[in-house]
Amino acid sequence: DSFSSSGSIKAHRQQLEAQGKLVNRILQEDITFESQSGAGQFLNGTSFNGNANWKRVSDNTPLKDLLQ
């Protein structure tokens, strides 16, 4: 399955829940996202800047710094 941020995030989440692929906010199978921001939008249900907000746990380095 894949996720495109161009559609309704809420509708996509509801569809996955109805199919049993999202249970208690936990994905039951791998989903490919078009971008880091799309993955964040799916998780948060709102706008999300993946390059700024995804961070390495060990030292809190933003993804944008790791991609340079």
Protein backbone atom coordinates (compact mmCIF):
# COMPACT_ATOMS: atom_id res chain seq x y z
CA ASP A 1 0.00 0.00 0.00
CA SER A 2 1.14 3.57 -0.51
CA PHE A 3 0.10 6.96 0.76
CA SER A 4 -0.21 10.14 -1.25
CA SER A 5 -0.53 13.40 0.67
CA SER A 6 -2.66 14.81 -2.16
CA GLY A 7 -5.79 13.06 -0.83
CA SER A 8 -7.63 13.42 2.45
CA ILE A 9 -5.45 12.17 5.30
CA LYS A 10 -8.50 11.52 7.46
CA ALA A 11 -10.26 9.54 4.73
CA HIS A 12 -7.16 7.44 4.07
CA ARG A 13 -6.73 6.67 7.77
CA GLN A 14 -10.41 5.73 8.05
CA GLN A 15 -10.08 3.45 5.03
CA LEU A 16 -7.07 1.69 6.55
CA GLU A 17 -8.91 1.30 9.86
CA ALA A 18 -11.94 -0.21 8.07
CA GLN A 19 -9.63 -2.67 6.30
CA GLY A 20 -7.96 -3.64 9.60
CA LYS A 21 -4.62 -2.23 8.42
CA LEU A 22 -4.55 0.47 11.12
CA VAL A 23 -5.42 -0.76 14.62
CA ASN A 24 -5.17 1.49 17.66
CA ARG A 25 -3.04 3.92 15.61
CA ILE A 26 -0.56 1.14 14.74
CA LEU A 27 -0.06 0.18 11.10
CA GLN A 28 -0.39 -3.56 10.57
CA GLU A 29 1.59 -3.53 7.30
CA ASP A 30 4.24 -1.41 5.64
CA ILE A 31 3.06 1.68 3.80
CA THR A 32 5.23 3.64 1.41
CA PHE A 33 5.01 7.41 1.74
CA GLU A 34 5.94 9.82 -1.06
CA SER A 35 7.91 12.02 1.34
CA GLN A 36 9.02 12.52 4.91
CA SER A 37 6.34 15.19 5.24
CA GLY A 38 3.65 12.81 3.98
CA ALA A 39 4.58 10.29 6.66
CA GLY A 40 4.38 12.99 9.32
CA GLN A 41 1.05 14.23 8.02
CA PHE A 42 -0.33 10.71 8.21
CA LEU A 43 0.86 10.27 11.79
CA ASN A 44 -0.15 13.72 13.04
CA GLY A 45 -3.26 14.28 10.96
CA THR A 46 -2.06 17.81 10.25
CA SER A 47 0.50 19.70 8.21
CA PHE A 48 4.03 18.48 8.93
CA ASN A 49 7.50 19.49 7.70
CA GLY A 50 9.36 16.19 7.67
CA ASN A 51 12.79 17.68 7.00
CA ALA A 52 12.55 19.94 10.05
CA ASN A 53 10.51 17.77 12.43
CA TRP A 54 11.94 14.25 11.96
CA LYS A 55 15.00 14.00 14.19
CA ARG A 56 17.68 11.47 15.03
CA VAL A 57 16.99 10.24 18.55
CA SER A 58 20.60 10.04 19.72
CA ASP A 59 21.35 13.76 19.33
CA ASN A 60 18.13 15.44 18.12
CA THR A 61 19.65 16.30 14.70
CA PRO A 62 16.94 17.31 12.17
CA LEU A 63 16.60 15.16 9.05
CA LYS A 64 17.43 18.16 6.84
CA ASP A 65 20.91 18.31 8.44
CA LEU A 66 21.46 14.58 7.93
CA LEU A 67 20.54 14.81 4.23
CA GLN A 68 23.13 17.48 3.41
